[in-house]
C-alpha atoms as a PDB file:
ATOM      1  CA  UNK A   1      -0.788 -27.009  19.062  1.00  0.00           C
ATOM      2  CA  UNK A   2       1.408 -25.262  21.052  1.00  0.00           C
ATOM      3  CA  UNK A   3       2.182 -26.466  24.725  1.00  0.00           C
ATOM      4  CA  UNK A   4       4.114 -23.289  26.049  1.00  0.00           C
ATOM      5  CA  UNK A   5       2.476 -19.990  27.506  1.00  0.00           C
ATOM      6  CA  UNK A   6       4.630 -18.149  24.918  1.00  0.00           C
ATOM      7  CA  UNK A   7       3.642 -20.083  21.740  1.00  0.00           C
ATOM      8  CA  UNK A   8       0.264 -19.742  22.431  1.00  0.00           C
ATOM      9  CA  UNK A   9       0.523 -16.303  22.622  1.00  0.00           C
ATOM     10  CA  UNK A  10       2.845 -16.157  19.906  1.00  0.00           C
ATOM     11  CA  UNK A  11      -0.300 -17.784  17.667  1.00  0.00           C
ATOM     12  CA  UNK A  12      -2.265 -15.193  19.430  1.00  0.00           C
ATOM     13  CA  UNK A  13      -0.037 -11.848  17.936  1.00  0.00           C
ATOM     14  CA  UNK A  14       0.930 -13.604  14.488  1.00  0.00           C
ATOM     15  CA  UNK A  15      -2.826 -14.136  13.676  1.00  0.00           C
ATOM     16  CA  UNK A  16      -3.524 -10.399  14.847  1.00  0.00           C
ATOM     17  CA  UNK A  17      -0.825  -9.413  13.086  1.00  0.00           C
ATOM     18  CA  UNK A  18      -1.577 -10.887   9.656  1.00  0.00           C
ATOM     19  CA  UNK A  19      -4.932  -9.369   9.462  1.00  0.00           C
ATOM     20  CA  UNK A  20      -3.455  -6.127   9.987  1.00  0.00           C
ATOM     21  CA  UNK A  21      -1.117  -6.615   7.203  1.00  0.00           C
ATOM     22  CA  UNK A  22      -3.673  -8.006   4.955  1.00  0.00           C
ATOM     23  CA  UNK A  23      -5.981  -5.336   5.494  1.00  0.00           C
ATOM     24  CA  UNK A  24      -3.015  -2.978   5.227  1.00  0.00           C
ATOM     25  CA  UNK A  25      -1.986  -4.216   2.023  1.00  0.00           C
ATOM     26  CA  UNK A  26      -5.484  -4.095   0.629  1.00  0.00           C
ATOM     27  CA  UNK A  27      -5.612  -0.607   0.991  1.00  0.00           C
ATOM     28  CA  UNK A  28      -2.325  -0.071  -1.178  1.00  0.00           C
ATOM     29  CA  UNK A  29      -3.451  -2.191  -4.004  1.00  0.00           C
ATOM     30  CA  UNK A  30      -6.930  -0.667  -4.143  1.00  0.00           C
ATOM     31  CA  UNK A  31      -5.192   3.357  -4.216  1.00  0.00           C
ATOM     32  CA  UNK A  32      -2.696   1.516  -6.626  1.00  0.00           C
ATOM     33  CA  UNK A  33      -5.397   0.387  -8.867  1.00  0.00           C
ATOM     34  CA  UNK A  34      -7.498   3.444  -8.794  1.00  0.00           C
ATOM     35  CA  UNK A  35      -4.171   5.367 -10.242  1.00  0.00           C
ATOM     36  CA  UNK A  36      -3.991   2.645 -13.062  1.00  0.00           C
ATOM     37  CA  UNK A  37      -7.386   3.094 -14.137  1.00  0.00           C
ATOM     38  CA  UNK A  38      -7.538   7.252 -14.526  1.00  0.00           C
ATOM     39  CA  UNK A  39      -8.386   8.185 -17.657  1.00  0.00           C
ATOM     40  CA  UNK A  40      -7.609  11.613 -17.603  1.00  0.00           C
ATOM     41  CA  UNK A  41      -4.704  13.538 -15.786  1.00  0.00           C
ATOM     42  CA  UNK A  42      -6.655  15.597 -13.178  1.00  0.00           C
ATOM     43  CA  UNK A  43      -8.476  12.505 -12.107  1.00  0.00           C
ATOM     44  CA  UNK A  44      -5.153  10.476 -11.636  1.00  0.00           C
ATOM     45  CA  UNK A  45      -3.178  13.369  -9.950  1.00  0.00           C
ATOM     46  CA  UNK A  46      -6.472  13.213  -7.232  1.00  0.00           C
ATOM     47  CA  UNK A  47      -5.754   9.832  -6.999  1.00  0.00           C
ATOM     48  CA  UNK A  48      -2.160   9.732  -6.718  1.00  0.00           C
ATOM     49  CA  UNK A  49      -2.087  12.100  -4.013  1.00  0.00           C
ATOM     50  CA  UNK A  50      -4.508   9.953  -2.131  1.00  0.00           C
ATOM     51  CA  UNK A  51      -2.186   6.452  -2.954  1.00  0.00           C
ATOM     52  CA  UNK A  52       0.933   8.719  -1.906  1.00  0.00           C
ATOM     53  CA  UNK A  53      -0.733   9.008   1.200  1.00  0.00           C
ATOM     54  CA  UNK A  54      -1.439   5.032   1.753  1.00  0.00           C
ATOM     55  CA  UNK A  55       1.965   4.378   0.918  1.00  0.00           C
ATOM     56  CA  UNK A  56       3.842   6.856   3.328  1.00  0.00           C
ATOM     57  CA  UNK A  57       1.121   5.303   5.871  1.00  0.00           C
ATOM     58  CA  UNK A  58       1.707   1.460   5.283  1.00  0.00           C
ATOM     59  CA  UNK A  59       5.367   2.183   5.274  1.00  0.00           C
ATOM     60  CA  UNK A  60       5.479   4.122   8.520  1.00  0.00           C
ATOM     61  CA  UNK A  61       3.640   1.265  10.090  1.00  0.00           C
ATOM     62  CA  UNK A  62       6.295  -1.333   8.870  1.00  0.00           C
ATOM     63  CA  UNK A  63       3.641  -3.173   6.935  1.00  0.00           C
ATOM     64  CA  UNK A  64       5.812  -2.755   3.471  1.00  0.00           C
ATOM     65  CA  UNK A  65       9.607  -1.693   3.488  1.00  0.00           C
ATOM     66  CA  UNK A  66      10.156   2.131   3.308  1.00  0.00           C
ATOM     67  CA  UNK A  67      12.060   1.310  -0.061  1.00  0.00           C
ATOM     68  CA  UNK A  68       9.367  -0.762  -1.564  1.00  0.00           C
ATOM     69  CA  UNK A  69       7.121   2.218  -0.935  1.00  0.00           C
ATOM     70  CA  UNK A  70       9.346   4.256  -2.837  1.00  0.00           C
ATOM     71  CA  UNK A  71       9.676   2.191  -5.470  1.00  0.00           C
ATOM     72  CA  UNK A  72       5.790   1.886  -5.937  1.00  0.00           C
ATOM     73  CA  UNK A  73       5.854   5.996  -5.838  1.00  0.00           C
ATOM     74  CA  UNK A  74       8.242   5.988  -8.285  1.00  0.00           C
ATOM     75  CA  UNK A  75       6.354   3.446 -10.548  1.00  0.00           C
ATOM     76  CA  UNK A  76       3.153   5.326 -10.014  1.00  0.00           C
ATOM     77  CA  UNK A  77       4.306   8.829 -10.707  1.00  0.00           C
ATOM     78  CA  UNK A  78       5.576   7.128 -14.312  1.00  0.00           C
ATOM     79  CA  UNK A  79       2.082   6.253 -15.086  1.00  0.00           C
ATOM     80  CA  UNK A  80       0.772   9.949 -13.921  1.00  0.00           C
ATOM     81  CA  UNK A  81       3.367  11.455 -16.058  1.00  0.00           C
ATOM     82  CA  UNK A  82       2.036   9.607 -18.984  1.00  0.00           C
ATOM     83  CA  UNK A  83      -1.090  10.455 -18.836  1.00  0.00           C
ATOM     84  CA  UNK A  84      -0.348  14.254 -18.114  1.00  0.00           C
ATOM     85  CA  UNK A  85       1.766  13.609 -21.838  1.00  0.00           C
ATOM     86  CA  UNK A  86      -0.988  12.376 -23.416  1.00  0.00           C
ATOM     87  CA  UNK A  87      -3.547  15.094 -22.652  1.00  0.00           C
END
């Protein structure tokens, strides 16, 4: 157990941040999965836009790095383009 006031506060802060980060990372996972599971190009585009928004917000909040968000956006756009080519 922590013996200093600052250490006790750090424990509180890190617990709060952990929950915040987990919730935001879950949003990203759900948004990405929705795009991957889309059957049609139109459906994929709609979910793609929502996923872009989620990724932008999460990277702006500092939950994931901006380059990590950019990499995920790039991968998602490839998925959507493959659907477009298929239809």
